[in-house]
Amino acid sequence: MSTYHTISVEQLKARLEAGEQPRMIDVREDEEVAQGMIEGALHLPLGQIPHQLAAIPKDEEVIFICRSGYRSDQACQYLSSLGHAGVANLVGGMLAWNQLP
C-alpha cells in the first residue's frame, strides 16, 4: 500500500511566510494556472508526470497542488506507489488556498 502525507493550506502558508522554500508542483492544466499559482511552484500537468519522473526527487518532500486536492492526490498515490517517499498532497488545493485571509 502506498502512503504519503497531507499538508493544509494554513500549514503551507505558515511555512512560506517563515521563509521556507518547499518544493511544490502544480498539476493543473495550463488554463487553470493562468488564473494564478502559489509563488515558487513548478507547473507540471498531471498527465505529464509519468514522463517527467526524473524531475521529481524520490527522497525529498514535494508538495502537490491542484484545484481541489483530487488530482494532486492522484499524483501522490502514483508517485508513492513508485517509491517516492516525500510526496505530500495540499488538502483542498487552490480552492482552499484562495480562501485564506
C-alpha atoms as a PDB file:
ATOM      1  CA  MET A   1       0.000   0.000   0.000  1.00  0.00           C
ATOM      2  CA  SER A   2       1.295   3.436  -0.882  1.00  0.00           C
ATOM      3  CA  THR A   3       1.454   6.107   1.776  1.00  0.00           C
ATOM      4  CA  TYR A   4       2.026   9.825   1.645  1.00  0.00           C
ATOM      5  CA  HIS A   5       1.479  12.907   3.708  1.00  0.00           C
ATOM      6  CA  THR A   6      -1.018  15.730   3.537  1.00  0.00           C
ATOM      7  CA  ILE A   7      -0.491  19.388   4.315  1.00  0.00           C
ATOM      8  CA  SER A   8      -3.145  22.018   4.965  1.00  0.00           C
ATOM      9  CA  VAL A   9      -3.173  25.365   3.223  1.00  0.00           C
ATOM     10  CA  GLU A  10      -2.647  27.015   6.615  1.00  0.00           C
ATOM     11  CA  GLN A  11       0.462  24.903   7.258  1.00  0.00           C
ATOM     12  CA  LEU A  12       1.881  25.667   3.820  1.00  0.00           C
ATOM     13  CA  LYS A  13       1.179  29.394   4.149  1.00  0.00           C
ATOM     14  CA  ALA A  14       2.901  29.470   7.554  1.00  0.00           C
ATOM     15  CA  ARG A  15       5.953  27.713   6.140  1.00  0.00           C
ATOM     16  CA  LEU A  16       6.160  30.094   3.191  1.00  0.00           C
ATOM     17  CA  GLU A  17       5.758  33.117   5.473  1.00  0.00           C
ATOM     18  CA  ALA A  18       8.566  31.731   7.662  1.00  0.00           C
ATOM     19  CA  GLY A  19      10.861  31.836   4.649  1.00  0.00           C
ATOM     20  CA  GLU A  20      10.855  28.149   3.795  1.00  0.00           C
ATOM     21  CA  GLN A  21      11.010  27.235   0.125  1.00  0.00           C
ATOM     22  CA  PRO A  22       9.404  23.806  -0.108  1.00  0.00           C
ATOM     23  CA  ARG A  23       9.392  22.103  -3.487  1.00  0.00           C
ATOM     24  CA  MET A  24       5.864  22.415  -4.902  1.00  0.00           C
ATOM     25  CA  ILE A  25       4.405  21.045  -8.131  1.00  0.00           C
ATOM     26  CA  ASP A  26       1.103  22.340  -9.504  1.00  0.00           C
ATOM     27  CA  VAL A  27      -0.549  19.582 -11.557  1.00  0.00           C
ATOM     28  CA  ARG A  28      -3.391  21.702 -13.002  1.00  0.00           C
ATOM     29  CA  GLU A  29      -3.818  22.375 -16.712  1.00  0.00           C
ATOM     30  CA  ASP A  30      -2.452  25.475 -18.491  1.00  0.00           C
ATOM     31  CA  GLU A  31      -5.739  27.387 -18.453  1.00  0.00           C
ATOM     32  CA  GLU A  32      -6.059  26.826 -14.698  1.00  0.00           C
ATOM     33  CA  VAL A  33      -2.579  28.009 -13.769  1.00  0.00           C
ATOM     34  CA  ALA A  34      -3.135  31.091 -15.931  1.00  0.00           C
ATOM     35  CA  GLN A  35      -5.539  32.182 -13.171  1.00  0.00           C
ATOM     36  CA  GLY A  36      -2.744  32.079 -10.606  1.00  0.00           C
ATOM     37  CA  MET A  37      -0.307  29.794  -8.846  1.00  0.00           C
ATOM     38  CA  ILE A  38       1.357  29.670  -5.469  1.00  0.00           C
ATOM     39  CA  GLU A  39       4.613  31.558  -5.849  1.00  0.00           C
ATOM     40  CA  GLY A  40       7.540  29.186  -6.231  1.00  0.00           C
ATOM     41  CA  ALA A  41       5.525  26.241  -7.554  1.00  0.00           C
ATOM     42  CA  LEU A  42       6.566  24.396 -10.695  1.00  0.00           C
ATOM     43  CA  HIS A  43       3.825  23.768 -13.255  1.00  0.00           C
ATOM     44  CA  LEU A  44       3.727  20.129 -14.350  1.00  0.00           C
ATOM     45  CA  PRO A  45       0.290  18.965 -15.573  1.00  0.00           C
ATOM     46  CA  LEU A  46      -0.848  15.650 -14.101  1.00  0.00           C
ATOM     47  CA  GLY A  47      -0.703  13.860 -17.462  1.00  0.00           C
ATOM     48  CA  GLN A  48       2.987  14.764 -17.826  1.00  0.00           C
ATOM     49  CA  ILE A  49       4.110  13.288 -14.502  1.00  0.00           C
ATOM     50  CA  PRO A  50       4.837   9.764 -15.843  1.00  0.00           C
ATOM     51  CA  HIS A  51       7.079  11.367 -18.495  1.00  0.00           C
ATOM     52  CA  GLN A  52       8.880  13.671 -16.047  1.00  0.00           C
ATOM     53  CA  LEU A  53       9.778  11.281 -13.234  1.00  0.00           C
ATOM     54  CA  ALA A  54      13.436  12.296 -13.373  1.00  0.00           C
ATOM     55  CA  ALA A  55      12.440  15.858 -12.447  1.00  0.00           C
ATOM     56  CA  ILE A  56      10.689  14.732  -9.252  1.00  0.00           C
ATOM     57  CA  PRO A  57      13.002  13.910  -6.325  1.00  0.00           C
ATOM     58  CA  LYS A  58      12.381  10.482  -4.802  1.00  0.00           C
ATOM     59  CA  ASP A  59      13.568  11.165  -1.260  1.00  0.00           C
ATOM     60  CA  GLU A  60      12.746  14.845  -0.741  1.00  0.00           C
ATOM     61  CA  GLU A  61       9.484  16.489   0.219  1.00  0.00           C
ATOM     62  CA  VAL A  62       7.427  17.552  -2.796  1.00  0.00           C
ATOM     63  CA  ILE A  63       4.030  19.181  -2.230  1.00  0.00           C
ATOM     64  CA  PHE A  64       1.486  18.572  -4.989  1.00  0.00           C
ATOM     65  CA  ILE A  65      -1.179  21.172  -5.729  1.00  0.00           C
ATOM     66  CA  CYS A  66      -4.309  21.182  -7.901  1.00  0.00           C
ATOM     67  CA  ARG A  67      -7.690  22.894  -7.937  1.00  0.00           C
ATOM     68  CA  SER A  68      -9.416  20.931  -5.159  1.00  0.00           C
ATOM     69  CA  GLY A  69      -6.921  18.310  -3.987  1.00  0.00           C
ATOM     70  CA  TYR A  70      -8.194  15.418  -6.111  1.00  0.00           C
ATOM     71  CA  ARG A  71      -5.645  15.419  -8.943  1.00  0.00           C
ATOM     72  CA  SER A  72      -2.784  16.171  -6.570  1.00  0.00           C
ATOM     73  CA  ASP A  73      -3.974  13.192  -4.508  1.00  0.00           C
ATOM     74  CA  GLN A  74      -3.784  11.040  -7.655  1.00  0.00           C
ATOM     75  CA  ALA A  75      -0.229  12.279  -8.274  1.00  0.00           C
ATOM     76  CA  CYS A  76       0.726  11.427  -4.684  1.00  0.00           C
ATOM     77  CA  GLN A  77      -0.770   7.934  -4.940  1.00  0.00           C
ATOM     78  CA  TYR A  78       1.042   7.262  -8.222  1.00  0.00           C
ATOM     79  CA  LEU A  79       4.435   8.546  -7.077  1.00  0.00           C
ATOM     80  CA  SER A  80       4.154   6.866  -3.693  1.00  0.00           C
ATOM     81  CA  SER A  81       3.479   3.555  -5.457  1.00  0.00           C
ATOM     82  CA  LEU A  82       6.759   4.084  -7.344  1.00  0.00           C
ATOM     83  CA  GLY A  83       8.689   4.557  -4.107  1.00  0.00           C
ATOM     84  CA  HIS A  84       8.723   8.338  -3.781  1.00  0.00           C
ATOM     85  CA  ALA A  85       8.959   8.865  -0.035  1.00  0.00           C
ATOM     86  CA  GLY A  86       8.395  12.607   0.345  1.00  0.00           C
ATOM     87  CA  VAL A  87       5.207  13.331  -1.569  1.00  0.00           C
ATOM     88  CA  ALA A  88       2.526  15.442   0.129  1.00  0.00           C
ATOM     89  CA  ASN A  89      -0.939  16.487  -1.016  1.00  0.00           C
ATOM     90  CA  LEU A  90      -2.181  20.037  -0.424  1.00  0.00           C
ATOM     91  CA  VAL A  91      -5.624  19.405   1.072  1.00  0.00           C
ATOM     92  CA  GLY A  92      -8.327  21.496  -0.594  1.00  0.00           C
ATOM     93  CA  GLY A  93      -5.978  22.711  -3.323  1.00  0.00           C
ATOM     94  CA  MET A  94      -6.199  26.189  -4.805  1.00  0.00           C
ATOM     95  CA  LEU A  95      -9.880  26.485  -3.821  1.00  0.00           C
ATOM     96  CA  ALA A  96      -8.824  26.350  -0.155  1.00  0.00           C
ATOM     97  CA  TRP A  97      -5.696  28.446  -0.775  1.00  0.00           C
ATOM     98  CA  ASN A  98      -7.732  31.246  -2.299  1.00  0.00           C
ATOM     99  CA  GLN A  99      -9.990  31.304   0.788  1.00  0.00           C
ATOM    100  CA  LEU A 100      -7.083  32.126   3.106  1.00  0.00           C
ATOM    101  CA  PRO A 101      -7.162  35.591   4.684  1.00  0.00           C
END
